N, C-alpha and C. Protein backbone atom coordinates (compact mmCIF):
# COMPACT_ATOMS: atom_id res chain seq x y z
N MET A 1 -42.89 187.80 -0.55
CA MET A 1 -43.61 187.81 -2.12
C MET A 1 -42.34 188.92 -2.95
N LYS A 2 -41.87 189.73 -2.32
CA LYS A 2 -41.09 190.87 -3.27
C LYS A 2 -40.04 189.85 -4.25
N MET A 3 -39.50 188.84 -2.53
CA MET A 3 -38.31 187.93 -3.39
C MET A 3 -38.75 187.16 -4.49
N ILE A 4 -39.77 186.52 -4.06
CA ILE A 4 -40.02 185.63 -5.26
C ILE A 4 -40.75 186.52 -6.40
N CYS A 5 -40.93 187.78 -6.63
CA CYS A 5 -40.90 188.27 -7.52
C CYS A 5 -39.97 188.81 -8.78
N SER A 6 -38.93 188.83 -7.76
CA SER A 6 -37.58 189.02 -7.82
C SER A 6 -37.08 188.15 -8.45
N ILE A 7 -37.06 186.86 -7.67
CA ILE A 7 -36.60 185.65 -8.61
C ILE A 7 -37.28 185.46 -9.84
N LEU A 8 -38.37 185.58 -10.23
CA LEU A 8 -39.33 185.49 -11.13
C LEU A 8 -38.68 186.10 -12.30
N LEU A 9 -38.12 187.06 -12.13
CA LEU A 9 -38.36 188.38 -12.97
C LEU A 9 -36.80 187.87 -13.42
N LEU A 10 -36.05 187.85 -12.80
CA LEU A 10 -34.39 187.08 -12.84
C LEU A 10 -34.37 186.08 -13.99
N LEU A 11 -35.13 184.88 -13.24
CA LEU A 11 -35.28 183.68 -14.24
C LEU A 11 -36.01 184.15 -16.06
N SER A 12 -37.00 184.95 -16.12
CA SER A 12 -37.44 185.29 -17.03
C SER A 12 -36.68 186.67 -18.14
N LEU A 13 -35.46 187.27 -17.38
CA LEU A 13 -35.04 187.81 -18.19
C LEU A 13 -33.45 187.11 -18.60
N THR A 14 -33.06 185.66 -17.53
CA THR A 14 -31.96 185.22 -18.11
C THR A 14 -32.47 184.08 -19.22
N SER A 15 -33.89 183.84 -19.40
CA SER A 15 -34.43 182.46 -19.74
C SER A 15 -33.61 182.41 -21.45
N CYS A 16 -33.76 183.72 -22.17
CA CYS A 16 -33.48 183.71 -23.79
C CYS A 16 -32.78 185.00 -23.98
N VAL A 17 -32.16 185.15 -25.10
CA VAL A 17 -31.69 186.33 -25.32
C VAL A 17 -31.60 186.37 -26.91
N SER A 18 -32.41 187.73 -26.92
CA SER A 18 -32.70 188.00 -28.50
C SER A 18 -31.64 188.66 -29.16
N GLY A 19 -31.66 187.87 -30.90
CA GLY A 19 -30.72 187.93 -31.32
C GLY A 19 -30.02 189.05 -31.68
N ALA A 20 -31.22 190.26 -32.05
CA ALA A 20 -30.62 191.46 -32.57
C ALA A 20 -30.41 192.68 -31.53
N PHE A 21 -30.94 192.01 -29.99
CA PHE A 21 -30.48 192.91 -28.86
C PHE A 21 -29.68 192.59 -27.95
N VAL A 22 -28.49 193.27 -27.84
CA VAL A 22 -27.45 192.88 -27.28
C VAL A 22 -27.09 193.76 -26.12
N VAL A 23 -26.49 193.44 -24.96
CA VAL A 23 -26.27 194.48 -23.67
C VAL A 23 -24.71 194.21 -23.64
N THR A 24 -24.13 195.18 -24.03
CA THR A 24 -22.41 195.20 -23.32
C THR A 24 -22.05 195.94 -22.46
N VAL A 25 -20.98 195.58 -21.84
CA VAL A 25 -20.31 196.44 -20.73
C VAL A 25 -19.03 197.27 -21.52
N LYS A 26 -18.96 198.60 -20.76
CA LYS A 26 -17.74 199.49 -21.19
C LYS A 26 -16.42 198.86 -21.01
N GLU A 27 -16.11 198.40 -19.62
CA GLU A 27 -15.25 197.73 -19.17
C GLU A 27 -15.30 195.95 -18.58
N THR A 28 -14.59 195.13 -19.32
CA THR A 28 -14.94 193.68 -18.90
C THR A 28 -14.27 193.26 -17.11
N PHE A 29 -12.98 194.41 -17.05
CA PHE A 29 -12.48 194.28 -15.91
C PHE A 29 -12.54 195.75 -15.32
N TYR A 30 -12.42 195.74 -13.65
CA TYR A 30 -12.60 196.85 -13.68
C TYR A 30 -11.53 196.54 -12.00
N GLN A 31 -10.73 197.58 -11.38
CA GLN A 31 -10.30 197.18 -10.29
C GLN A 31 -9.90 198.68 -9.52
N ALA A 32 -10.18 198.71 -8.09
CA ALA A 32 -9.90 199.95 -7.45
C ALA A 32 -9.66 199.37 -5.82
N GLU A 33 -9.58 200.61 -5.40
CA GLU A 33 -9.10 200.10 -3.42
C GLU A 33 -10.33 200.38 -2.91
N GLU A 34 -10.40 199.84 -1.71
CA GLU A 34 -11.49 200.12 -0.92
C GLU A 34 -11.16 201.56 -0.67
N ASN A 35 -12.78 202.25 -0.58
CA ASN A 35 -12.95 203.21 0.05
C ASN A 35 -13.00 204.68 -1.32
N HIS A 36 -12.48 203.84 -2.25
CA HIS A 36 -12.67 205.05 -3.67
C HIS A 36 -13.88 204.84 -4.00
N ASN A 37 -14.19 205.32 -5.04
CA ASN A 37 -15.29 205.26 -6.07
C ASN A 37 -14.96 204.76 -7.26
N ILE A 38 -16.30 204.28 -8.11
CA ILE A 38 -15.95 203.69 -9.11
C ILE A 38 -17.54 203.99 -10.13
N THR A 39 -17.23 203.65 -11.65
CA THR A 39 -18.58 203.57 -12.62
C THR A 39 -18.59 202.34 -13.02
N LEU A 40 -19.69 201.96 -12.82
CA LEU A 40 -19.70 200.76 -13.77
C LEU A 40 -20.72 201.42 -14.79
N GLU A 41 -20.77 200.67 -15.96
CA GLU A 41 -21.18 201.17 -17.46
C GLU A 41 -21.73 199.86 -18.28
N TRP A 42 -23.03 200.01 -18.39
CA TRP A 42 -23.51 199.23 -19.68
C TRP A 42 -24.42 199.73 -20.81
N MET A 43 -24.31 199.38 -21.83
CA MET A 43 -24.83 199.68 -23.28
C MET A 43 -25.62 198.85 -23.32
N PHE A 44 -26.48 198.98 -24.42
CA PHE A 44 -27.84 198.61 -25.35
C PHE A 44 -28.65 199.21 -26.35
N PRO A 45 -29.10 198.85 -27.14
CA PRO A 45 -29.64 199.44 -28.33
C PRO A 45 -30.88 200.07 -27.84
N PRO A 46 -30.74 201.33 -27.76
CA PRO A 46 -32.32 202.49 -27.64
C PRO A 46 -33.25 202.58 -28.79
N ARG A 47 -34.34 202.95 -28.27
CA ARG A 47 -35.51 202.96 -29.02
C ARG A 47 -36.12 204.23 -28.29
N THR A 48 -35.87 205.04 -29.63
CA THR A 48 -37.33 206.39 -28.96
C THR A 48 -38.40 205.90 -29.03
N SER A 49 -39.00 205.06 -30.02
CA SER A 49 -40.48 204.81 -30.35
C SER A 49 -40.94 203.81 -28.86
N SER A 50 -39.78 203.29 -27.91
CA SER A 50 -40.07 202.52 -27.09
C SER A 50 -40.83 203.25 -25.72
N SER A 51 -41.71 202.76 -25.13
CA SER A 51 -42.19 203.17 -24.03
C SER A 51 -41.21 202.96 -22.90
N PRO A 52 -40.86 204.03 -21.73
CA PRO A 52 -40.21 203.41 -20.65
C PRO A 52 -40.93 202.40 -19.67
N LYS A 53 -42.20 202.43 -19.82
CA LYS A 53 -42.84 201.27 -19.38
C LYS A 53 -42.31 199.83 -19.27
N SER A 54 -42.21 200.26 -20.63
CA SER A 54 -41.28 198.29 -21.21
C SER A 54 -40.22 198.22 -20.65
N LEU A 55 -39.70 199.10 -19.81
CA LEU A 55 -38.02 198.95 -19.52
C LEU A 55 -38.20 197.85 -18.02
N PHE A 56 -37.25 196.86 -18.24
CA PHE A 56 -36.97 196.15 -17.06
C PHE A 56 -35.69 196.26 -16.83
N ILE A 57 -35.14 196.24 -15.47
CA ILE A 57 -33.25 196.27 -15.49
C ILE A 57 -33.35 195.62 -14.20
N LEU A 58 -32.39 194.67 -14.39
CA LEU A 58 -32.45 193.72 -12.77
C LEU A 58 -30.43 193.78 -12.73
N CYS A 59 -29.92 194.35 -11.97
CA CYS A 59 -28.53 194.33 -11.78
C CYS A 59 -28.21 193.51 -10.28
N TYR A 60 -27.10 192.96 -10.23
CA TYR A 60 -26.98 192.44 -9.33
C TYR A 60 -25.38 191.43 -9.38
N LEU A 61 -25.03 191.56 -7.74
CA LEU A 61 -23.50 190.88 -7.69
C LEU A 61 -23.20 189.30 -7.71
N PHE A 62 -22.37 188.82 -7.91
CA PHE A 62 -22.20 187.78 -7.61
C PHE A 62 -21.02 187.56 -6.94
N SER A 63 -20.99 187.20 -5.82
CA SER A 63 -19.68 187.13 -5.05
C SER A 63 -19.33 185.96 -4.31
N ASP A 64 -18.34 185.72 -3.84
CA ASP A 64 -17.93 184.30 -3.02
C ASP A 64 -19.42 184.06 -2.40
N LEU A 65 -19.77 185.05 -1.44
CA LEU A 65 -20.23 184.82 -0.29
C LEU A 65 -21.77 184.76 -0.80
N LYS A 66 -22.34 185.56 -1.32
CA LYS A 66 -24.04 185.52 -1.69
C LYS A 66 -24.18 186.43 -2.98
N THR A 67 -25.34 186.33 -3.62
CA THR A 67 -25.94 187.32 -4.45
C THR A 67 -26.64 188.44 -4.16
N SER A 68 -26.18 189.75 -4.49
CA SER A 68 -26.81 190.95 -3.78
C SER A 68 -27.55 192.02 -4.81
N VAL A 69 -28.49 192.60 -4.76
CA VAL A 69 -29.18 192.93 -6.00
C VAL A 69 -28.50 194.72 -5.83
N LEU A 70 -27.90 195.00 -6.85
CA LEU A 70 -27.62 196.56 -6.98
C LEU A 70 -28.73 197.45 -7.24
N PHE A 71 -29.32 197.37 -8.37
CA PHE A 71 -30.34 197.95 -8.73
C PHE A 71 -31.29 197.21 -9.43
N HIS A 72 -32.64 197.97 -9.32
CA HIS A 72 -33.76 197.37 -10.11
C HIS A 72 -34.88 198.44 -10.33
N LEU A 73 -34.82 198.43 -11.54
CA LEU A 73 -35.72 199.19 -12.27
C LEU A 73 -37.19 198.24 -13.06
N HIS A 74 -38.34 198.14 -12.22
CA HIS A 74 -39.53 197.85 -12.77
C HIS A 74 -40.43 198.62 -13.90
N GLY A 75 -40.66 198.31 -15.01
CA GLY A 75 -41.67 199.18 -15.70
C GLY A 75 -41.35 200.70 -16.13
N GLY A 76 -40.20 200.60 -15.94
CA GLY A 76 -39.59 202.25 -15.96
C GLY A 76 -39.55 203.09 -14.85
N VAL A 77 -39.88 202.21 -13.59
CA VAL A 77 -39.71 202.73 -11.97
C VAL A 77 -38.40 202.20 -11.16
N GLU A 78 -37.76 203.10 -10.54
CA GLU A 78 -37.00 202.23 -10.02
C GLU A 78 -37.58 201.76 -8.51
N ASP A 79 -37.13 200.51 -7.85
CA ASP A 79 -37.44 199.95 -6.94
C ASP A 79 -36.62 199.74 -5.89
N PRO A 80 -36.35 200.96 -5.19
CA PRO A 80 -35.16 201.17 -4.13
C PRO A 80 -35.13 200.00 -2.81
N GLU A 81 -36.43 199.68 -2.97
CA GLU A 81 -36.51 198.44 -1.74
C GLU A 81 -35.93 196.99 -1.82
N SER A 82 -35.91 196.73 -3.24
CA SER A 82 -35.12 195.49 -3.50
C SER A 82 -33.52 195.38 -3.45
N GLN A 83 -33.33 196.60 -3.42
CA GLN A 83 -32.00 196.92 -3.18
C GLN A 83 -31.24 196.15 -2.06
N ASP A 84 -29.92 195.51 -1.75
CA ASP A 84 -29.10 195.11 -1.07
C ASP A 84 -28.69 196.28 0.03
N GLU A 85 -28.83 195.74 1.32
CA GLU A 85 -28.93 196.65 2.54
C GLU A 85 -26.98 196.97 1.86
N GLN A 86 -26.07 195.93 1.61
CA GLN A 86 -24.83 196.21 1.15
C GLN A 86 -24.51 197.55 0.40
N PHE A 87 -25.31 198.06 -0.40
CA PHE A 87 -24.92 198.66 -1.35
C PHE A 87 -25.98 200.24 -1.08
N ALA A 88 -26.68 200.21 0.08
CA ALA A 88 -27.70 201.31 0.68
C ALA A 88 -26.93 202.43 0.60
N GLY A 89 -27.30 203.61 0.32
CA GLY A 89 -27.00 204.90 0.15
C GLY A 89 -25.38 205.12 -0.58
N ARG A 90 -24.94 204.03 -1.01
CA ARG A 90 -23.85 204.01 -2.21
C ARG A 90 -23.20 203.90 -3.48
N VAL A 91 -25.14 203.68 -3.97
CA VAL A 91 -25.11 203.72 -5.75
C VAL A 91 -26.08 205.02 -5.90
N ARG A 92 -25.87 205.39 -6.94
CA ARG A 92 -26.08 206.32 -7.59
C ARG A 92 -26.09 206.52 -9.29
N TRP A 93 -27.29 206.39 -9.73
CA TRP A 93 -27.26 206.20 -11.30
C TRP A 93 -27.65 207.45 -11.90
N ASP A 94 -27.22 207.14 -13.11
CA ASP A 94 -27.87 208.22 -14.12
C ASP A 94 -28.87 208.06 -14.94
N LYS A 95 -30.10 209.01 -14.51
CA LYS A 95 -31.10 208.93 -15.41
C LYS A 95 -30.80 209.42 -16.80
N ASP A 96 -30.41 210.13 -16.90
CA ASP A 96 -30.17 211.14 -18.33
C ASP A 96 -29.42 210.24 -19.40
N VAL A 97 -28.53 209.14 -19.14
CA VAL A 97 -27.78 208.35 -19.99
C VAL A 97 -28.54 207.25 -20.51
N LEU A 98 -29.91 206.81 -19.65
CA LEU A 98 -30.87 205.88 -19.91
C LEU A 98 -31.50 205.93 -21.33
N ARG A 99 -31.68 207.46 -22.07
CA ARG A 99 -32.24 207.28 -23.00
C ARG A 99 -31.08 206.93 -24.23
N ASP A 100 -29.83 207.26 -23.74
CA ASP A 100 -28.83 207.09 -24.76
C ASP A 100 -28.73 205.77 -24.95
N GLY A 101 -29.07 204.91 -24.42
CA GLY A 101 -28.71 203.28 -24.17
C GLY A 101 -27.96 202.82 -23.29
N ARG A 102 -27.71 203.88 -22.20
CA ARG A 102 -26.61 203.43 -21.07
C ARG A 102 -26.97 203.20 -19.94
N ILE A 103 -26.61 202.80 -18.95
CA ILE A 103 -26.87 202.02 -17.26
C ILE A 103 -25.71 202.19 -17.00
N ARG A 104 -25.84 203.49 -15.97
CA ARG A 104 -24.64 203.72 -15.49
C ARG A 104 -24.84 204.18 -13.86
N PHE A 105 -23.91 203.55 -13.34
CA PHE A 105 -23.79 203.26 -11.65
C PHE A 105 -22.43 203.73 -11.42
N HIS A 106 -22.42 204.92 -10.34
CA HIS A 106 -21.47 205.55 -9.51
C HIS A 106 -21.67 204.56 -8.47
N ILE A 107 -20.64 203.80 -7.80
CA ILE A 107 -20.31 203.21 -6.29
C ILE A 107 -19.53 203.37 -5.53
N SER A 108 -20.10 204.27 -4.47
CA SER A 108 -18.80 205.03 -3.59
C SER A 108 -18.52 204.28 -2.44
N ARG A 109 -17.21 204.54 -2.01
CA ARG A 109 -17.27 204.38 -0.66
C ARG A 109 -16.65 202.68 -0.82
N LEU A 110 -16.23 201.91 -1.53
CA LEU A 110 -16.12 200.60 -2.07
C LEU A 110 -15.32 199.94 -1.11
N ARG A 111 -15.83 198.56 -0.75
CA ARG A 111 -15.53 197.86 -0.01
C ARG A 111 -14.95 196.59 -0.05
N ILE A 112 -14.12 196.04 -0.07
CA ILE A 112 -13.89 194.54 -0.63
C ILE A 112 -14.50 193.49 -0.46
N ASN A 113 -15.80 193.40 0.04
CA ASN A 113 -16.83 192.56 -0.25
C ASN A 113 -17.74 193.24 -1.61
N ASP A 114 -17.27 194.18 -1.98
CA ASP A 114 -18.19 194.56 -3.31
C ASP A 114 -17.30 194.29 -4.68
N SER A 115 -16.59 193.18 -4.31
CA SER A 115 -15.56 192.70 -5.57
C SER A 115 -16.36 191.29 -5.80
N GLY A 116 -16.45 191.10 -7.24
CA GLY A 116 -17.37 189.84 -8.06
C GLY A 116 -17.56 190.31 -9.47
N VAL A 117 -18.65 189.45 -9.77
CA VAL A 117 -19.34 189.62 -11.02
C VAL A 117 -20.67 190.28 -11.12
N TYR A 118 -20.32 191.58 -11.64
CA TYR A 118 -21.92 192.14 -12.10
C TYR A 118 -22.54 192.15 -13.18
N GLN A 119 -23.55 191.67 -12.95
CA GLN A 119 -24.28 191.64 -14.34
C GLN A 119 -25.98 192.02 -14.05
N CYS A 120 -26.51 192.94 -15.51
CA CYS A 120 -27.43 193.76 -15.62
C CYS A 120 -28.47 192.73 -16.50
N ASP A 121 -29.41 192.66 -16.22
CA ASP A 121 -30.51 191.73 -16.93
C ASP A 121 -31.69 193.08 -17.62
N MET A 122 -31.59 192.77 -18.79
CA MET A 122 -32.42 193.83 -19.37
C MET A 122 -33.37 193.41 -20.18
N LYS A 123 -34.87 193.84 -20.39
CA LYS A 123 -35.70 193.36 -20.97
C LYS A 123 -36.75 194.66 -21.28
N THR A 124 -36.73 194.87 -22.26
CA THR A 124 -37.84 195.87 -23.19
C THR A 124 -38.44 195.27 -23.88
N GLY A 125 -39.30 196.18 -24.83
CA GLY A 125 -40.21 195.53 -25.88
C GLY A 125 -39.90 195.33 -27.15
N TYR A 126 -38.48 195.40 -27.16
CA TYR A 126 -38.02 194.80 -28.56
C TYR A 126 -36.74 193.80 -28.20
N GLY A 127 -36.93 193.69 -27.03
CA GLY A 127 -35.90 192.22 -27.19
C GLY A 127 -35.73 191.89 -25.34
N LYS A 128 -34.48 190.98 -24.85
CA LYS A 128 -33.74 191.07 -23.53
C LYS A 128 -32.61 190.09 -23.60
N ALA A 129 -31.65 190.66 -23.11
CA ALA A 129 -30.49 190.25 -23.17
C ALA A 129 -29.53 190.28 -21.64
N SER A 130 -28.54 190.07 -21.43
CA SER A 130 -27.84 190.54 -20.49
C SER A 130 -26.35 190.93 -20.61
N GLY A 131 -25.80 191.48 -19.36
CA GLY A 131 -24.20 192.00 -19.95
C GLY A 131 -23.74 191.61 -18.00
N MET A 132 -22.14 191.45 -18.47
CA MET A 132 -21.56 191.46 -16.83
C MET A 132 -20.13 191.42 -17.17
N CYS A 133 -19.73 192.37 -16.05
CA CYS A 133 -18.55 192.73 -16.15
C CYS A 133 -17.68 192.01 -14.50
N ARG A 134 -16.32 192.28 -14.10
CA ARG A 134 -16.02 191.78 -12.84
C ARG A 134 -15.14 193.36 -12.18
N LEU A 135 -15.35 193.18 -10.70
CA LEU A 135 -14.63 193.97 -10.30
C LEU A 135 -13.69 193.44 -9.06
N LYS A 136 -12.50 194.02 -9.16
CA LYS A 136 -11.85 193.69 -7.69
C LYS A 136 -11.69 194.70 -7.06
N VAL A 137 -12.24 194.52 -5.74
CA VAL A 137 -11.47 195.59 -4.78
C VAL A 137 -10.32 195.24 -3.98
N THR A 138 -9.21 196.25 -4.16
CA THR A 138 -8.09 195.86 -2.91
C THR A 138 -8.20 196.53 -1.98
N ALA A 139 -7.11 195.74 -0.69
CA ALA A 139 -6.96 196.51 0.70
C ALA A 139 -6.19 197.75 0.31
N ALA A 140 -6.95 198.88 1.03
CA ALA A 140 -6.34 200.34 0.74
C ALA A 140 -4.69 200.60 1.26
N ALA A 141 -4.19 200.99 0.42
CA ALA A 141 -2.64 201.06 0.58
C ALA A 141 -2.29 201.76 2.35
N ASP A 142 -1.29 201.00 2.62
CA ASP A 142 -0.75 201.53 3.93
C ASP A 142 -0.49 203.13 3.98
N GLU A 143 -0.98 203.72 5.08
CA GLU A 143 -0.74 205.28 5.19
C GLU A 143 0.85 205.47 5.14
N PRO A 144 0.94 206.27 4.46
CA PRO A 144 2.74 206.62 4.38
C PRO A 144 3.58 207.01 6.27
N LYS A 145 4.58 206.48 6.04
CA LYS A 145 5.47 207.03 7.37
C LYS A 145 5.48 208.05 7.48
N PRO A 146 5.53 208.70 8.86
CA PRO A 146 6.38 210.07 8.72
C PRO A 146 7.53 209.98 8.87
N PRO A 147 8.18 210.68 8.17
CA PRO A 147 9.92 210.98 8.12
C PRO A 147 10.42 210.59 9.53
N ARG A 148 11.60 210.49 9.50
CA ARG A 148 11.98 210.24 10.51
C ARG A 148 12.63 211.63 10.77
N PRO A 149 13.10 211.99 12.04
CA PRO A 149 13.40 213.57 12.09
C PRO A 149 15.10 213.27 11.59
N THR A 150 15.48 214.30 10.99
CA THR A 150 16.98 214.40 10.61
C THR A 150 17.96 214.78 11.80
N MET A 151 18.82 213.98 11.93
CA MET A 151 19.82 214.15 13.36
C MET A 151 21.29 215.05 12.55
N ARG A 152 21.52 215.67 12.92
CA ARG A 152 22.92 216.62 13.08
C ARG A 152 23.75 215.61 13.00
N PRO A 153 24.89 215.32 12.18
CA PRO A 153 26.41 214.80 12.55
C PRO A 153 26.83 215.39 13.47
N GLN A 154 27.21 214.74 14.29
CA GLN A 154 28.28 215.14 15.62
C GLN A 154 29.79 215.21 14.95
N PRO A 155 30.31 215.84 15.62
CA PRO A 155 31.57 216.22 15.26
C PRO A 155 32.58 214.62 15.39
N GLU A 156 33.30 214.33 14.52
CA GLU A 156 33.79 212.93 14.37
C GLU A 156 34.78 213.09 15.03
N SER A 157 35.00 212.14 16.19
CA SER A 157 36.29 212.09 17.09
C SER A 157 36.84 211.42 16.68
N PRO A 158 38.66 211.56 16.95
CA PRO A 158 39.76 210.74 16.28
C PRO A 158 39.55 209.17 16.44
N THR A 159 39.37 208.85 17.73
CA THR A 159 38.70 207.48 17.87
C THR A 159 38.00 206.61 17.31
N MET A 160 37.00 207.76 16.91
CA MET A 160 35.98 206.77 16.05
C MET A 160 36.30 206.52 14.63
N ARG A 161 37.26 207.41 13.51
CA ARG A 161 37.50 207.20 12.47
C ARG A 161 37.76 205.52 12.18
N PRO A 162 37.34 204.88 11.12
CA PRO A 162 38.13 203.56 10.80
C PRO A 162 39.46 203.09 10.71
N GLN A 163 40.50 202.84 11.01
CA GLN A 163 41.61 202.80 11.49
C GLN A 163 42.10 201.78 10.00
N PRO A 164 43.31 201.80 9.94
CA PRO A 164 43.22 200.91 8.18
C PRO A 164 43.18 199.23 8.41
N GLU A 165 43.55 198.96 9.34
CA GLU A 165 43.19 197.88 9.74
C GLU A 165 41.87 196.66 9.38
N SER A 166 40.94 197.83 10.17
CA SER A 166 39.50 197.63 10.19
C SER A 166 38.97 197.61 8.48
N LEU A 167 39.43 198.72 8.01
CA LEU A 167 39.22 199.30 6.58
C LEU A 167 39.65 197.97 5.45
N GLY A 168 40.83 197.47 5.44
CA GLY A 168 41.09 195.89 5.44
C GLY A 168 40.54 194.79 5.41
N ARG A 169 39.55 194.89 6.47
CA ARG A 169 39.22 193.87 7.31
C ARG A 169 37.79 194.04 6.08
N ILE A 170 37.07 194.90 6.04
CA ILE A 170 35.82 195.25 6.04
C ILE A 170 36.30 194.83 4.13
N TYR A 171 37.21 194.93 3.44
CA TYR A 171 37.39 195.02 1.97
C TYR A 171 37.21 194.01 1.49
N LEU A 172 37.94 192.83 2.77
CA LEU A 172 38.10 191.42 3.02
C LEU A 172 36.84 190.49 2.82
N TYR A 173 35.80 191.29 3.75
CA TYR A 173 34.38 190.69 3.72
C TYR A 173 33.87 191.00 2.26
N VAL A 174 34.07 192.32 2.01
CA VAL A 174 33.33 192.17 1.11
C VAL A 174 33.63 191.62 -0.44
N GLY A 175 34.82 191.52 -0.55
CA GLY A 175 35.56 190.87 -1.67
C GLY A 175 34.97 189.15 -1.86
N LEU A 176 35.05 188.78 -0.43
CA LEU A 176 34.69 187.42 -0.18
C LEU A 176 32.65 187.17 -0.57
N GLY A 177 32.61 188.10 -0.53
CA GLY A 177 30.88 188.37 -0.52
C GLY A 177 30.69 188.22 -1.88
N ALA A 178 31.50 189.22 -2.56
CA ALA A 178 31.28 188.70 -4.09
C ALA A 178 31.49 187.99 -4.67
N ALA A 179 32.79 187.12 -4.16
CA ALA A 179 32.96 186.06 -4.93
C ALA A 179 31.94 184.73 -4.65
N LEU A 180 31.74 184.95 -3.43
CA LEU A 180 30.20 183.83 -2.94
C LEU A 180 29.48 183.92 -3.98
N LEU A 181 28.70 185.08 -4.34
CA LEU A 181 27.90 185.83 -5.18
C LEU A 181 27.86 184.68 -6.59
N VAL A 182 29.40 185.32 -7.43
CA VAL A 182 29.57 184.91 -8.64
C VAL A 182 29.57 183.53 -8.63
N LEU A 183 30.09 182.69 -7.33
CA LEU A 183 30.05 181.09 -7.40
C LEU A 183 28.78 180.63 -7.30
N CYS A 184 28.08 181.47 -6.66
CA CYS A 184 26.20 180.40 -6.65
C CYS A 184 25.65 180.83 -7.64
N THR A 185 25.83 181.94 -8.60
CA THR A 185 25.54 182.48 -9.65
C THR A 185 25.53 181.37 -10.83
N GLY A 186 26.91 181.16 -10.84
CA GLY A 186 27.72 180.26 -12.00
C GLY A 186 27.13 178.43 -11.82
N LEU A 187 27.08 178.19 -10.34
CA LEU A 187 26.38 176.77 -10.09
C LEU A 187 25.01 176.94 -10.31
N TYR A 188 24.41 177.47 -10.16
CA TYR A 188 22.33 177.95 -10.36
C TYR A 188 22.87 177.81 -11.83
N PHE A 189 23.25 178.57 -12.82
CA PHE A 189 22.89 178.71 -14.23
C PHE A 189 23.67 176.74 -14.67
N ALA A 190 24.55 176.54 -14.21
CA ALA A 190 24.98 175.28 -14.78
C ALA A 190 23.91 174.08 -14.53
N PHE A 191 23.64 174.17 -13.16
CA PHE A 191 22.61 173.66 -12.62
C PHE A 191 21.29 173.51 -14.00
N LEU A 192 20.52 174.60 -14.30
CA LEU A 192 19.78 175.11 -15.03
C LEU A 192 20.32 174.43 -16.78
N ARG A 193 21.31 174.31 -16.87
CA ARG A 193 21.83 174.56 -18.18
C ARG A 193 21.70 172.47 -18.57
N LYS A 194 22.26 172.22 -16.89
CA LYS A 194 22.26 170.40 -16.89
C LYS A 194 20.65 169.99 -17.18
N ARG A 195 20.10 170.92 -16.72
CA ARG A 195 18.85 170.34 -16.68
C ARG A 195 17.80 170.42 -17.87
N LEU A 196 18.16 171.72 -18.85
CA LEU A 196 17.52 171.71 -20.00
C LEU A 196 18.32 170.79 -20.97
N VAL A 197 19.44 170.42 -20.53
CA VAL A 197 19.70 169.29 -21.68
C VAL A 197 19.30 168.48 -21.63
N GLY A 198 18.99 167.80 -20.21
CA GLY A 198 18.60 166.59 -19.78
C GLY A 198 17.22 165.86 -20.65
N LEU A 199 16.77 167.57 -20.55
CA LEU A 199 15.68 167.38 -21.27
C LEU A 199 15.14 166.98 -22.89
């Protein structure tokens, strides 16, 4: 029954948009690494004369897999039971900024499946509208590898020193490699020029 009520509220909030009442987002695109925290924020025109009981907010995530409820405020009262299990214990909202016309959510310990489009639908006594933003959560960077232990250089034995003949071979191979690289680069640019002239 609660799910049906939420769907009906969602449909009623998105059915029309009042011309004077607009919900905007602080950022249209957010990006963060998994296990980090992020703050999402929406703004709307506040009215001090409006009763908190006339405020309805439904925020949810559209992802490739499903639609999940992030937050639900019904008649000015938060309804934590309608929040999807995916966000349980990870979402905190700032009640103090609501009277200034802002909805701010702090999502902690981000997961890859938190990626998607976040939409907040609002209905007040003086209008209704919605605003959306996109969040992309990337995989956490690999842990830095521990530095290799440095080894002390061993005293050089006379038999290990490169002989003049082997040095000559090294220079020959380096020279041939450089010449081959220059030749390949020239052929590549000639091929590109021919194609561009053909166009």
